[in-house]
Structure formats: C-alpha cells, structure tokens
Amino acid sequence: MTLATEQIEISKFMSFLQDWDHGTKAIRHQILNDFINTSKGVRNIAECLANSKLEKTQEQAQILLELLAQGNPKYQLQVYKGLIALLPCTSPKVQQMALQALRTLQSIVKIVHPCIVDPLLNILRTIHYEVQYEAIEFIKVLLNYKVRQALLEGVVARLTPSTENQPKILHDEPTSNLAESSPLYVQQAAAAKVIGIIIKESTEIAEEMLQLKVVHHLMIAMGNLEHASSQKQACLTLEVSIYGSYLIHTFPVVEEHVRQAIGESFYELYMKNPENLYLKMDSIQAAVLVNNKVNIPGSMEAAA
C-alpha cells in the first residue's frame, strides 16, 4: 500500500468515525451500511490493516472493525473471520491488534471456529513479548469454549518439536546463537510458560494436562540444551505442577514419577533452584530428561 493510498484510507476512516461519534442509532446504522458498500466489505478493511505501513491507519482500521462487529450482528462473523486471517501476518503490530480485537469480540460472537487453534498457537513463535502476552490472554479466554481440548493438546504438542527439529542434547557446546533464533524453540519456551499460567488458575485444567502427558513433555523441554529459555520455563512450570499448593494434595504422584525418572541426586539439584537448573545441567542429565518415560496413569482419583 502506497503512502498516498494510505492517506486516502485514513481520510475515509476519520470521516466515518466522526460521523459515527455524532450520529444517532438510526444514523449510525445507515452510515455503517454505506461505509461497508463504499469500502467493498469487511475483507478490504482487514487487508488495509494488514498491509498498512502507518500505525495511525492500523489503529483506525482496528477501531472500525470492532465497530462493525458491535454495531451490526450481520458483520460479526465476517469481522471475526477476517481477524483470524490476520494472525499469520508478519507484522507484530497487526498481530497484536488482531488479538486484542478478537478477545474483545469473543464474548459478542460467542462461538469459536476450530480453525483458530493452529494460527493462534503458531503466534507463540514470536519474539515480541507484547504479541505473546495478547496470545496467552486470548488462549485463556478460549479455554471456556469448545476448542479447549484442541488448545490443550496443541500447546502440549508444542513442547516437543518434530523429530527433525528436536534438540541435539549430546553436544558439549550448545549452538546457542542458532538455537535462540529458532522459532520452534521460542514456541517451545512459550508453550511451557502458557501451561504454567493456566494450571495455576484451574485444577481441572491441570488434571486434563496430566492426562495429555504434560509432565513427560515438560521434562523433554527441560533437557533442551539448545535453548535456555525452554529449559527455564519448563523447569518452573514442572515445579508448579509438583508443589503448587492447590495441586500437591491432588497430584502427589507427579513428584514420585519425576523423582524416579531422574534419580535422587538430580532431583535434589533441581528442587534447590529450578529457575537456574539449566546453568548447571550437563549433557548426561539432559539426556535423562529428553529420554524420560514418565506417564502419569489414570484420572484424578488414581493420581490422588
């Protein structure tokens, strides 16, 4: 989008918003329909948000999309789908705006399309913390909808990248520069962080996570010598799953399985300072973690 074209779009958006601010309910309905017709639909507004180089244009387009969804039920799903289509965008600002708008609209739309799961979880590959924050907040909202199981399965799966991308744990010197820039490893660390956040908020979700073998996958992430952030986040989250005051009475079996899997001395080293374990871990200890066979059996009753 050229600068001249953007200036034209800004002028159109500002004119619409000014008319909207001063209009009655009936007038707003009319100017909304007129604007959609002259702007060639919701899709074009979403594309304007995605392709714009000016932050002012992006902000006006975001406001406009939210107004369209809130002002007329006819456009709610169109806007919602348009915002989902923006999630793979390469612009962090656009991703942040799309996530903010989706979270605002979720309570209005009330339904969730399953197609949202993968693009939302893929955003966890971002190195931009403001975008990651919005993604995590939206994930927390969506856990109250029918995509909950798919989200939980997806976030656990992101703890273990595919075989060809798994950490090379037996290197004496981790290739940190390459690993730190790997989107899959960034996503792995973010997935561990997400899990730590949501199991603190719900024992029910923690139980569901256990049945998805989250402890096994967290331990694999802990052994990733190629990415310190993955190790740190996984260590902290596993500690929460063992010693969270709301979980210890429900899932004492977690501690038992982890202790047996890594041995008493390694377990004691871990529990002394989980946050900094990665600084002291050697390749043999990492191998023990990555090749763990931990599987918490049964339901809550079995684990109690």
C-alpha atoms as a PDB file:
ATOM      1  CA  MET A   1       0.000   0.000   0.000  1.00  0.00           C
ATOM      2  CA  THR A   2       1.489   3.336  -1.088  1.00  0.00           C
ATOM      3  CA  LEU A   3       1.665   6.333   1.205  1.00  0.00           C
ATOM      4  CA  ALA A   4      -0.823   8.245  -0.964  1.00  0.00           C
ATOM      5  CA  THR A   5      -3.287   5.365  -0.794  1.00  0.00           C
ATOM      6  CA  GLU A   6      -2.888   5.183   2.981  1.00  0.00           C
ATOM      7  CA  GLN A   7      -3.633   8.888   3.334  1.00  0.00           C
ATOM      8  CA  ILE A   8      -6.847   8.370   1.390  1.00  0.00           C
ATOM      9  CA  GLU A   9      -7.811   5.455   3.642  1.00  0.00           C
ATOM     10  CA  ILE A  10      -7.041   7.489   6.769  1.00  0.00           C
ATOM     11  CA  SER A  11      -9.272  10.281   5.482  1.00  0.00           C
ATOM     12  CA  LYS A  12     -12.116   7.817   4.858  1.00  0.00           C
ATOM     13  CA  PHE A  13     -11.729   6.226   8.281  1.00  0.00           C
ATOM     14  CA  MET A  14     -11.588   9.558  10.089  1.00  0.00           C
ATOM     15  CA  SER A  15     -14.654  10.817   8.250  1.00  0.00           C
ATOM     16  CA  PHE A  16     -16.566   7.669   9.146  1.00  0.00           C
ATOM     17  CA  LEU A  17     -15.562   7.820  12.812  1.00  0.00           C
ATOM     18  CA  GLN A  18     -16.503  11.490  13.059  1.00  0.00           C
ATOM     19  CA  ASP A  19     -19.945  10.810  11.579  1.00  0.00           C
ATOM     20  CA  TRP A  20     -20.298   7.809  13.918  1.00  0.00           C
ATOM     21  CA  ASP A  21     -19.484   9.833  17.018  1.00  0.00           C
ATOM     22  CA  HIS A  22     -22.146  12.428  16.216  1.00  0.00           C
ATOM     23  CA  GLY A  23     -24.839  10.126  14.868  1.00  0.00           C
ATOM     24  CA  THR A  24     -27.972   8.706  16.451  1.00  0.00           C
ATOM     25  CA  LYS A  25     -28.578   4.955  16.490  1.00  0.00           C
ATOM     26  CA  ALA A  26     -30.542   5.109  13.236  1.00  0.00           C
ATOM     27  CA  ILE A  27     -27.939   7.293  11.547  1.00  0.00           C
ATOM     28  CA  ARG A  28     -25.121   5.038  12.706  1.00  0.00           C
ATOM     29  CA  HIS A  29     -26.858   2.039  11.165  1.00  0.00           C
ATOM     30  CA  GLN A  30     -27.141   3.861   7.848  1.00  0.00           C
ATOM     31  CA  ILE A  31     -23.572   5.186   7.746  1.00  0.00           C
ATOM     32  CA  LEU A  32     -22.299   1.737   8.696  1.00  0.00           C
ATOM     33  CA  ASN A  33     -24.005   0.141   5.703  1.00  0.00           C
ATOM     34  CA  ASP A  34     -22.905   2.985   3.430  1.00  0.00           C
ATOM     35  CA  PHE A  35     -19.307   2.645   4.552  1.00  0.00           C
ATOM     36  CA  ILE A  36     -19.277  -1.113   4.005  1.00  0.00           C
ATOM     37  CA  ASN A  37     -20.649  -0.657   0.497  1.00  0.00           C
ATOM     38  CA  THR A  38     -18.141   2.035  -0.458  1.00  0.00           C
ATOM     39  CA  SER A  39     -15.233   0.193   1.170  1.00  0.00           C
ATOM     40  CA  LYS A  40     -16.034  -3.075  -0.622  1.00  0.00           C
ATOM     41  CA  GLY A  41     -16.644  -5.069   2.530  1.00  0.00           C
ATOM     42  CA  VAL A  42     -15.028  -6.202   5.756  1.00  0.00           C
ATOM     43  CA  ARG A  43     -12.284  -8.078   3.946  1.00  0.00           C
ATOM     44  CA  ASN A  44     -10.859  -4.917   2.405  1.00  0.00           C
ATOM     45  CA  ILE A  45     -10.731  -3.184   5.778  1.00  0.00           C
ATOM     46  CA  ALA A  46      -8.886  -6.173   7.247  1.00  0.00           C
ATOM     47  CA  GLU A  47      -6.467  -6.121   4.306  1.00  0.00           C
ATOM     48  CA  CYS A  48      -5.919  -2.422   4.892  1.00  0.00           C
ATOM     49  CA  LEU A  49      -4.968  -3.210   8.495  1.00  0.00           C
ATOM     50  CA  ALA A  50      -2.606  -5.961   7.366  1.00  0.00           C
ATOM     51  CA  ASN A  51      -0.882  -4.035   4.585  1.00  0.00           C
ATOM     52  CA  SER A  52      -0.704  -0.585   6.104  1.00  0.00           C
ATOM     53  CA  LYS A  53       2.699   0.892   6.928  1.00  0.00           C
ATOM     54  CA  LEU A  54       1.310   3.686   9.094  1.00  0.00           C
ATOM     55  CA  GLU A  55       0.360   2.917  12.677  1.00  0.00           C
ATOM     56  CA  LYS A  56      -2.419   5.516  12.519  1.00  0.00           C
ATOM     57  CA  THR A  57      -4.066   3.654   9.652  1.00  0.00           C
ATOM     58  CA  GLN A  58      -3.750   0.352  11.506  1.00  0.00           C
ATOM     59  CA  GLU A  59      -5.337   1.795  14.637  1.00  0.00           C
ATOM     60  CA  GLN A  60      -8.238   3.337  12.718  1.00  0.00           C
ATOM     61  CA  ALA A  61      -8.837   0.077  10.848  1.00  0.00           C
ATOM     62  CA  GLN A  62      -8.875  -1.863  14.124  1.00  0.00           C
ATOM     63  CA  ILE A  63     -11.389   0.549  15.659  1.00  0.00           C
ATOM     64  CA  LEU A  64     -13.525   0.335  12.553  1.00  0.00           C
ATOM     65  CA  LEU A  65     -13.573  -3.462  12.538  1.00  0.00           C
ATOM     66  CA  GLU A  66     -14.620  -3.530  16.191  1.00  0.00           C
ATOM     67  CA  LEU A  67     -17.378  -1.011  15.498  1.00  0.00           C
ATOM     68  CA  LEU A  68     -18.619  -3.089  12.579  1.00  0.00           C
ATOM     69  CA  ALA A  69     -18.862  -6.209  14.730  1.00  0.00           C
ATOM     70  CA  GLN A  70     -20.504  -4.424  17.651  1.00  0.00           C
ATOM     71  CA  GLY A  71     -22.764  -2.213  15.576  1.00  0.00           C
ATOM     72  CA  ASN A  72     -24.428  -4.821  13.399  1.00  0.00           C
ATOM     73  CA  PRO A  73     -24.765  -8.603  14.016  1.00  0.00           C
ATOM     74  CA  LYS A  74     -24.699  -9.073  10.251  1.00  0.00           C
ATOM     75  CA  TYR A  75     -20.972  -8.344  10.197  1.00  0.00           C
ATOM     76  CA  GLN A  76     -19.861 -10.073  13.402  1.00  0.00           C
ATOM     77  CA  LEU A  77     -18.723 -13.353  11.878  1.00  0.00           C
ATOM     78  CA  GLN A  78     -17.193 -11.601   8.870  1.00  0.00           C
ATOM     79  CA  VAL A  79     -15.072  -9.430  11.135  1.00  0.00           C
ATOM     80  CA  TYR A  80     -14.194 -12.367  13.374  1.00  0.00           C
ATOM     81  CA  LYS A  81     -13.002 -14.479  10.442  1.00  0.00           C
ATOM     82  CA  GLY A  82     -11.181 -11.504   8.971  1.00  0.00           C
ATOM     83  CA  LEU A  83      -9.260 -11.015  12.206  1.00  0.00           C
ATOM     84  CA  ILE A  84      -8.330 -14.718  12.344  1.00  0.00           C
ATOM     85  CA  ALA A  85      -6.953 -14.370   8.815  1.00  0.00           C
ATOM     86  CA  LEU A  86      -4.632 -11.632  10.109  1.00  0.00           C
ATOM     87  CA  LEU A  87      -2.947 -13.827  12.733  1.00  0.00           C
ATOM     88  CA  PRO A  88      -0.279 -15.246  10.362  1.00  0.00           C
ATOM     89  CA  CYS A  89       0.654 -11.677   9.343  1.00  0.00           C
ATOM     90  CA  THR A  90       4.366 -10.888   9.664  1.00  0.00           C
ATOM     91  CA  SER A  91       3.744  -7.526  11.333  1.00  0.00           C
ATOM     92  CA  PRO A  92       3.880  -7.807  15.168  1.00  0.00           C
ATOM     93  CA  LYS A  93       1.719  -4.681  15.488  1.00  0.00           C
ATOM     94  CA  VAL A  94      -1.001  -6.147  13.275  1.00  0.00           C
ATOM     95  CA  GLN A  95      -0.889  -9.441  15.184  1.00  0.00           C
ATOM     96  CA  GLN A  96      -1.211  -7.586  18.480  1.00  0.00           C
ATOM     97  CA  MET A  97      -4.160  -5.537  17.229  1.00  0.00           C
ATOM     98  CA  ALA A  98      -5.906  -8.577  15.749  1.00  0.00           C
ATOM     99  CA  LEU A  99      -5.562 -10.498  19.033  1.00  0.00           C
ATOM    100  CA  GLN A 100      -6.851  -7.552  21.055  1.00  0.00           C
ATOM    101  CA  ALA A 101      -9.860  -7.198  18.770  1.00  0.00           C
ATOM    102  CA  LEU A 102     -10.568 -10.947  18.804  1.00  0.00           C
ATOM    103  CA  ARG A 103     -10.534 -11.004  22.597  1.00  0.00           C
ATOM    104  CA  THR A 104     -12.945  -8.063  22.675  1.00  0.00           C
ATOM    105  CA  LEU A 105     -15.292  -9.657  20.158  1.00  0.00           C
ATOM    106  CA  GLN A 106     -15.244 -13.178  21.578  1.00  0.00           C
ATOM    107  CA  SER A 107     -17.978 -12.510  24.134  1.00  0.00           C
ATOM    108  CA  ILE A 108     -20.114 -10.968  21.379  1.00  0.00           C
ATOM    109  CA  VAL A 109     -19.655 -13.690  18.767  1.00  0.00           C
ATOM    110  CA  LYS A 110     -19.924 -16.446  21.424  1.00  0.00           C
ATOM    111  CA  ILE A 111     -18.762 -19.218  19.086  1.00  0.00           C
ATOM    112  CA  VAL A 112     -15.242 -20.301  18.139  1.00  0.00           C
ATOM    113  CA  HIS A 113     -14.241 -21.843  14.840  1.00  0.00           C
ATOM    114  CA  PRO A 114     -11.714 -24.707  15.211  1.00  0.00           C
ATOM    115  CA  CYS A 115      -9.557 -23.095  12.501  1.00  0.00           C
ATOM    116  CA  ILE A 116      -8.372 -20.553  15.082  1.00  0.00           C
ATOM    117  CA  VAL A 117      -6.275 -23.063  17.066  1.00  0.00           C
ATOM    118  CA  ASP A 118      -3.219 -23.504  14.828  1.00  0.00           C
ATOM    119  CA  PRO A 119      -2.681 -19.853  13.833  1.00  0.00           C
ATOM    120  CA  LEU A 120      -3.124 -18.805  17.467  1.00  0.00           C
ATOM    121  CA  LEU A 121      -0.605 -21.345  18.780  1.00  0.00           C
ATOM    122  CA  ASN A 122       1.800 -20.530  15.961  1.00  0.00           C
ATOM    123  CA  ILE A 123       1.923 -16.951  17.227  1.00  0.00           C
ATOM    124  CA  LEU A 124       3.788 -18.339  20.239  1.00  0.00           C
ATOM    125  CA  ARG A 125       6.809 -18.431  17.918  1.00  0.00           C
ATOM    126  CA  THR A 126       7.032 -14.645  18.122  1.00  0.00           C
ATOM    127  CA  ILE A 127       9.956 -12.959  19.835  1.00  0.00           C
ATOM    128  CA  HIS A 128       7.757  -9.945  20.591  1.00  0.00           C
ATOM    129  CA  TYR A 129       6.547 -10.191  24.177  1.00  0.00           C
ATOM    130  CA  GLU A 130       3.628  -7.804  23.673  1.00  0.00           C
ATOM    131  CA  VAL A 131       2.251 -10.145  20.988  1.00  0.00           C
ATOM    132  CA  GLN A 132       2.930 -13.226  23.099  1.00  0.00           C
ATOM    133  CA  TYR A 133       1.069 -11.624  26.008  1.00  0.00           C
ATOM    134  CA  GLU A 134      -2.033 -10.998  23.871  1.00  0.00           C
ATOM    135  CA  ALA A 135      -1.907 -14.568  22.540  1.00  0.00           C
ATOM    136  CA  ILE A 136      -1.727 -16.018  26.060  1.00  0.00           C
ATOM    137  CA  GLU A 137      -4.606 -13.837  27.261  1.00  0.00           C
ATOM    138  CA  PHE A 138      -6.747 -14.935  24.310  1.00  0.00           C
ATOM    139  CA  ILE A 139      -5.867 -18.590  24.897  1.00  0.00           C
ATOM    140  CA  LYS A 140      -7.094 -18.201  28.493  1.00  0.00           C
ATOM    141  CA  VAL A 141     -10.409 -16.832  27.186  1.00  0.00           C
ATOM    142  CA  LEU A 142     -10.837 -19.641  24.644  1.00  0.00           C
ATOM    143  CA  LEU A 143     -10.368 -22.329  27.301  1.00  0.00           C
ATOM    144  CA  ASN A 144     -14.003 -21.632  28.214  1.00  0.00           C
ATOM    145  CA  TYR A 145     -15.172 -22.695  24.744  1.00  0.00           C
ATOM    146  CA  LYS A 146     -15.375 -25.935  22.769  1.00  0.00           C
ATOM    147  CA  VAL A 147     -11.851 -25.571  21.389  1.00  0.00           C
ATOM    148  CA  ARG A 148     -10.419 -26.163  24.870  1.00  0.00           C
ATOM    149  CA  GLN A 149      -9.320 -29.743  24.212  1.00  0.00           C
ATOM    150  CA  ALA A 150      -7.703 -28.818  20.910  1.00  0.00           C
ATOM    151  CA  LEU A 151      -5.870 -25.911  22.553  1.00  0.00           C
ATOM    152  CA  LEU A 152      -4.580 -28.043  25.425  1.00  0.00           C
ATOM    153  CA  GLU A 153      -3.434 -30.792  23.061  1.00  0.00           C
ATOM    154  CA  GLY A 154      -1.822 -28.217  20.806  1.00  0.00           C
ATOM    155  CA  VAL A 155       0.089 -26.395  23.498  1.00  0.00           C
ATOM    156  CA  VAL A 156       1.415 -29.671  24.965  1.00  0.00           C
ATOM    157  CA  ALA A 157       2.485 -30.807  21.487  1.00  0.00           C
ATOM    158  CA  ARG A 158       4.485 -27.570  21.072  1.00  0.00           C
ATOM    159  CA  LEU A 159       6.709 -28.664  23.957  1.00  0.00           C
ATOM    160  CA  THR A 160       8.298 -31.273  21.701  1.00  0.00           C
ATOM    161  CA  PRO A 161       9.209 -30.062  18.188  1.00  0.00           C
ATOM    162  CA  SER A 162       9.061 -32.656  15.409  1.00  0.00           C
ATOM    163  CA  THR A 163      11.828 -35.267  15.253  1.00  0.00           C
ATOM    164  CA  GLU A 164      13.933 -33.495  12.639  1.00  0.00           C
ATOM    165  CA  ASN A 165      13.874 -30.335  14.776  1.00  0.00           C
ATOM    166  CA  GLN A 166      14.435 -31.861  18.202  1.00  0.00           C
ATOM    167  CA  PRO A 167      17.347 -30.648  20.345  1.00  0.00           C
ATOM    168  CA  LYS A 168      20.746 -32.283  19.845  1.00  0.00           C
ATOM    169  CA  ILE A 169      21.344 -32.965  23.510  1.00  0.00           C
ATOM    170  CA  LEU A 170      24.778 -34.576  23.341  1.00  0.00           C
ATOM    171  CA  HIS A 171      26.699 -31.549  22.073  1.00  0.00           C
ATOM    172  CA  ASP A 172      29.398 -30.449  24.511  1.00  0.00           C
ATOM    173  CA  GLU A 173      28.879 -26.817  23.473  1.00  0.00           C
ATOM    174  CA  PRO A 174      25.273 -25.790  22.664  1.00  0.00           C
ATOM    175  CA  THR A 175      24.913 -23.778  19.471  1.00  0.00           C
ATOM    176  CA  SER A 176      23.170 -21.008  21.377  1.00  0.00           C
ATOM    177  CA  ASN A 177      23.112 -18.328  18.677  1.00  0.00           C
ATOM    178  CA  LEU A 178      21.320 -20.590  16.212  1.00  0.00           C
ATOM    179  CA  ALA A 179      19.002 -22.058  18.830  1.00  0.00           C
ATOM    180  CA  GLU A 180      17.984 -18.725  20.327  1.00  0.00           C
ATOM    181  CA  SER A 181      16.725 -17.645  16.908  1.00  0.00           C
ATOM    182  CA  SER A 182      14.779 -20.848  16.213  1.00  0.00           C
ATOM    183  CA  PRO A 183      11.019 -20.142  16.082  1.00  0.00           C
ATOM    184  CA  LEU A 184      10.291 -23.712  17.193  1.00  0.00           C
ATOM    185  CA  TYR A 185      12.372 -23.291  20.324  1.00  0.00           C
ATOM    186  CA  VAL A 186      10.837 -19.882  21.043  1.00  0.00           C
ATOM    187  CA  GLN A 187       7.454 -21.576  20.712  1.00  0.00           C
ATOM    188  CA  GLN A 188       8.557 -24.414  22.977  1.00  0.00           C
ATOM    189  CA  ALA A 189       9.513 -21.949  25.730  1.00  0.00           C
ATOM    190  CA  ALA A 190       6.264 -20.023  25.279  1.00  0.00           C
ATOM    191  CA  ALA A 191       4.220 -23.238  25.454  1.00  0.00           C
ATOM    192  CA  ALA A 192       5.844 -24.121  28.778  1.00  0.00           C
ATOM    193  CA  LYS A 193       5.073 -20.616  30.012  1.00  0.00           C
ATOM    194  CA  VAL A 194       1.413 -20.864  28.919  1.00  0.00           C
ATOM    195  CA  ILE A 195       0.999 -24.189  30.695  1.00  0.00           C
ATOM    196  CA  GLY A 196       2.472 -22.776  33.885  1.00  0.00           C
ATOM    197  CA  ILE A 197      -0.005 -19.903  33.783  1.00  0.00           C
ATOM    198  CA  ILE A 198      -3.158 -21.888  33.107  1.00  0.00           C
ATOM    199  CA  ILE A 199      -2.545 -24.740  35.567  1.00  0.00           C
ATOM    200  CA  LYS A 200      -2.209 -22.151  38.317  1.00  0.00           C
ATOM    201  CA  GLU A 201      -5.713 -20.945  37.545  1.00  0.00           C
ATOM    202  CA  SER A 202      -7.573 -24.255  37.301  1.00  0.00           C
ATOM    203  CA  THR A 203      -7.101 -27.631  38.989  1.00  0.00           C
ATOM    204  CA  GLU A 204      -9.487 -29.081  36.407  1.00  0.00           C
ATOM    205  CA  ILE A 205      -7.238 -27.964  33.562  1.00  0.00           C
ATOM    206  CA  ALA A 206      -4.203 -29.264  35.442  1.00  0.00           C
ATOM    207  CA  GLU A 207      -5.862 -32.689  35.607  1.00  0.00           C
ATOM    208  CA  GLU A 208      -6.593 -32.593  31.872  1.00  0.00           C
ATOM    209  CA  MET A 209      -2.989 -31.643  31.203  1.00  0.00           C
ATOM    210  CA  LEU A 210      -1.735 -34.623  33.203  1.00  0.00           C
ATOM    211  CA  GLN A 211      -3.784 -36.937  31.021  1.00  0.00           C
ATOM    212  CA  LEU A 212      -2.078 -35.380  27.986  1.00  0.00           C
ATOM    213  CA  LYS A 213       1.328 -36.460  29.421  1.00  0.00           C
ATOM    214  CA  VAL A 214       2.335 -32.862  30.082  1.00  0.00           C
ATOM    215  CA  VAL A 215       4.956 -33.926  32.672  1.00  0.00           C
ATOM    216  CA  HIS A 216       6.702 -36.140  30.113  1.00  0.00           C
ATOM    217  CA  HIS A 217       6.767 -33.318  27.554  1.00  0.00           C
ATOM    218  CA  LEU A 218       7.888 -30.683  30.060  1.00  0.00           C
ATOM    219  CA  MET A 219      10.829 -32.868  31.020  1.00  0.00           C
ATOM    220  CA  ILE A 220      11.840 -33.128  27.365  1.00  0.00           C
ATOM    221  CA  ALA A 221      11.802 -29.328  27.121  1.00  0.00           C
ATOM    222  CA  MET A 222      13.871 -29.147  30.317  1.00  0.00           C
ATOM    223  CA  GLY A 223      16.587 -31.161  28.572  1.00  0.00           C
ATOM    224  CA  ASN A 224      16.849 -28.863  25.555  1.00  0.00           C
ATOM    225  CA  LEU A 225      20.466 -27.686  25.859  1.00  0.00           C
ATOM    226  CA  GLU A 226      19.987 -25.702  22.670  1.00  0.00           C
ATOM    227  CA  HIS A 227      17.561 -23.216  24.240  1.00  0.00           C
ATOM    228  CA  ALA A 228      17.989 -21.901  27.773  1.00  0.00           C
ATOM    229  CA  SER A 229      14.580 -20.212  27.852  1.00  0.00           C
ATOM    230  CA  SER A 230      12.834 -23.528  27.111  1.00  0.00           C
ATOM    231  CA  GLN A 231      14.724 -25.162  29.971  1.00  0.00           C
ATOM    232  CA  LYS A 232      13.957 -22.341  32.389  1.00  0.00           C
ATOM    233  CA  GLN A 233      10.235 -22.092  31.604  1.00  0.00           C
ATOM    234  CA  ALA A 234       9.760 -25.879  31.648  1.00  0.00           C
ATOM    235  CA  CYS A 235      11.602 -26.193  34.981  1.00  0.00           C
ATOM    236  CA  LEU A 236       9.443 -23.521  36.574  1.00  0.00           C
ATOM    237  CA  THR A 237       6.211 -24.991  35.210  1.00  0.00           C
ATOM    238  CA  LEU A 238       7.078 -28.513  36.342  1.00  0.00           C
ATOM    239  CA  GLU A 239       7.822 -27.183  39.811  1.00  0.00           C
ATOM    240  CA  VAL A 240       4.358 -25.603  39.858  1.00  0.00           C
ATOM    241  CA  SER A 241       2.809 -28.932  38.865  1.00  0.00           C
ATOM    242  CA  ILE A 242       4.634 -30.639  41.743  1.00  0.00           C
ATOM    243  CA  TYR A 243       4.476 -28.104  44.542  1.00  0.00           C
ATOM    244  CA  GLY A 244       1.617 -25.737  43.758  1.00  0.00           C
ATOM    245  CA  SER A 245      -0.374 -25.538  46.985  1.00  0.00           C
ATOM    246  CA  TYR A 246      -3.575 -26.349  45.099  1.00  0.00           C
ATOM    247  CA  LEU A 247      -2.027 -29.419  43.402  1.00  0.00           C
ATOM    248  CA  ILE A 248       0.152 -31.132  45.979  1.00  0.00           C
ATOM    249  CA  HIS A 249      -2.780 -32.851  47.679  1.00  0.00           C
ATOM    250  CA  THR A 250      -4.348 -33.851  44.376  1.00  0.00           C
ATOM    251  CA  PHE A 251      -1.292 -34.928  42.383  1.00  0.00           C
ATOM    252  CA  PRO A 252       1.472 -36.147  44.735  1.00  0.00           C
ATOM    253  CA  VAL A 253       2.117 -38.883  42.181  1.00  0.00           C
ATOM    254  CA  VAL A 254       3.777 -36.280  39.928  1.00  0.00           C
ATOM    255  CA  GLU A 255       6.644 -35.761  42.352  1.00  0.00           C
ATOM    256  CA  GLU A 256       7.058 -39.518  42.741  1.00  0.00           C
ATOM    257  CA  HIS A 257       7.304 -40.112  38.994  1.00  0.00           C
ATOM    258  CA  VAL A 258       9.742 -37.257  38.385  1.00  0.00           C
ATOM    259  CA  ARG A 259      11.977 -38.335  41.267  1.00  0.00           C
ATOM    260  CA  GLN A 260      12.098 -41.911  39.983  1.00  0.00           C
ATOM    261  CA  ALA A 261      12.761 -40.808  36.401  1.00  0.00           C
ATOM    262  CA  ILE A 262      15.760 -38.557  37.063  1.00  0.00           C
ATOM    263  CA  GLY A 263      17.213 -40.023  40.252  1.00  0.00           C
ATOM    264  CA  GLU A 264      17.510 -38.670  43.772  1.00  0.00           C
ATOM    265  CA  SER A 265      20.647 -36.516  43.371  1.00  0.00           C
ATOM    266  CA  PHE A 266      19.477 -34.861  40.145  1.00  0.00           C
ATOM    267  CA  TYR A 267      16.044 -34.309  41.656  1.00  0.00           C
ATOM    268  CA  GLU A 268      17.531 -32.594  44.705  1.00  0.00           C
ATOM    269  CA  LEU A 269      19.672 -30.382  42.456  1.00  0.00           C
ATOM    270  CA  TYR A 270      16.550 -29.425  40.519  1.00  0.00           C
ATOM    271  CA  MET A 271      14.469 -28.607  43.567  1.00  0.00           C
ATOM    272  CA  LYS A 272      17.184 -26.413  45.128  1.00  0.00           C
ATOM    273  CA  ASN A 273      16.830 -23.860  42.342  1.00  0.00           C
ATOM    274  CA  PRO A 274      14.568 -24.800  39.397  1.00  0.00           C
ATOM    275  CA  GLU A 275      14.975 -21.414  37.730  1.00  0.00           C
ATOM    276  CA  ASN A 276      18.723 -21.821  37.333  1.00  0.00           C
ATOM    277  CA  LEU A 277      18.990 -25.572  36.818  1.00  0.00           C
ATOM    278  CA  TYR A 278      19.846 -25.079  33.148  1.00  0.00           C
ATOM    279  CA  LEU A 279      23.075 -23.320  34.163  1.00  0.00           C
ATOM    280  CA  LYS A 280      24.323 -26.448  35.944  1.00  0.00           C
ATOM    281  CA  MET A 281      22.930 -29.196  33.720  1.00  0.00           C
ATOM    282  CA  ASP A 282      25.325 -31.434  31.799  1.00  0.00           C
ATOM    283  CA  SER A 283      24.677 -33.466  28.653  1.00  0.00           C
ATOM    284  CA  ILE A 284      24.073 -36.710  30.566  1.00  0.00           C
ATOM    285  CA  GLN A 285      21.410 -35.117  32.758  1.00  0.00           C
ATOM    286  CA  ALA A 286      19.833 -33.567  29.665  1.00  0.00           C
ATOM    287  CA  ALA A 287      19.747 -36.983  28.018  1.00  0.00           C
ATOM    288  CA  VAL A 288      17.939 -38.425  31.056  1.00  0.00           C
ATOM    289  CA  LEU A 289      15.284 -35.713  30.744  1.00  0.00           C
ATOM    290  CA  VAL A 290      14.817 -35.962  26.983  1.00  0.00           C
ATOM    291  CA  ASN A 291      14.539 -39.766  27.089  1.00  0.00           C
ATOM    292  CA  ASN A 292      12.205 -39.888  30.095  1.00  0.00           C
ATOM    293  CA  LYS A 293       9.294 -42.371  30.053  1.00  0.00           C
ATOM    294  CA  VAL A 294       7.115 -40.615  32.625  1.00  0.00           C
ATOM    295  CA  ASN A 295       3.437 -41.371  32.164  1.00  0.00           C
ATOM    296  CA  ILE A 296       1.005 -40.348  34.897  1.00  0.00           C
ATOM    297  CA  PRO A 297      -1.731 -43.006  34.718  1.00  0.00           C
ATOM    298  CA  GLY A 298      -5.438 -42.830  35.393  1.00  0.00           C
ATOM    299  CA  SER A 299      -7.698 -39.972  36.381  1.00  0.00           C
ATOM    300  CA  MET A 300      -7.677 -37.595  39.316  1.00  0.00           C
ATOM    301  CA  GLU A 301      -8.864 -40.336  41.611  1.00  0.00           C
ATOM    302  CA  ALA A 302      -5.985 -42.592  40.552  1.00  0.00           C
ATOM    303  CA  ALA A 303      -3.458 -39.820  40.984  1.00  0.00           C
ATOM    304  CA  ALA A 304      -4.722 -38.752  44.402  1.00  0.00           C
END
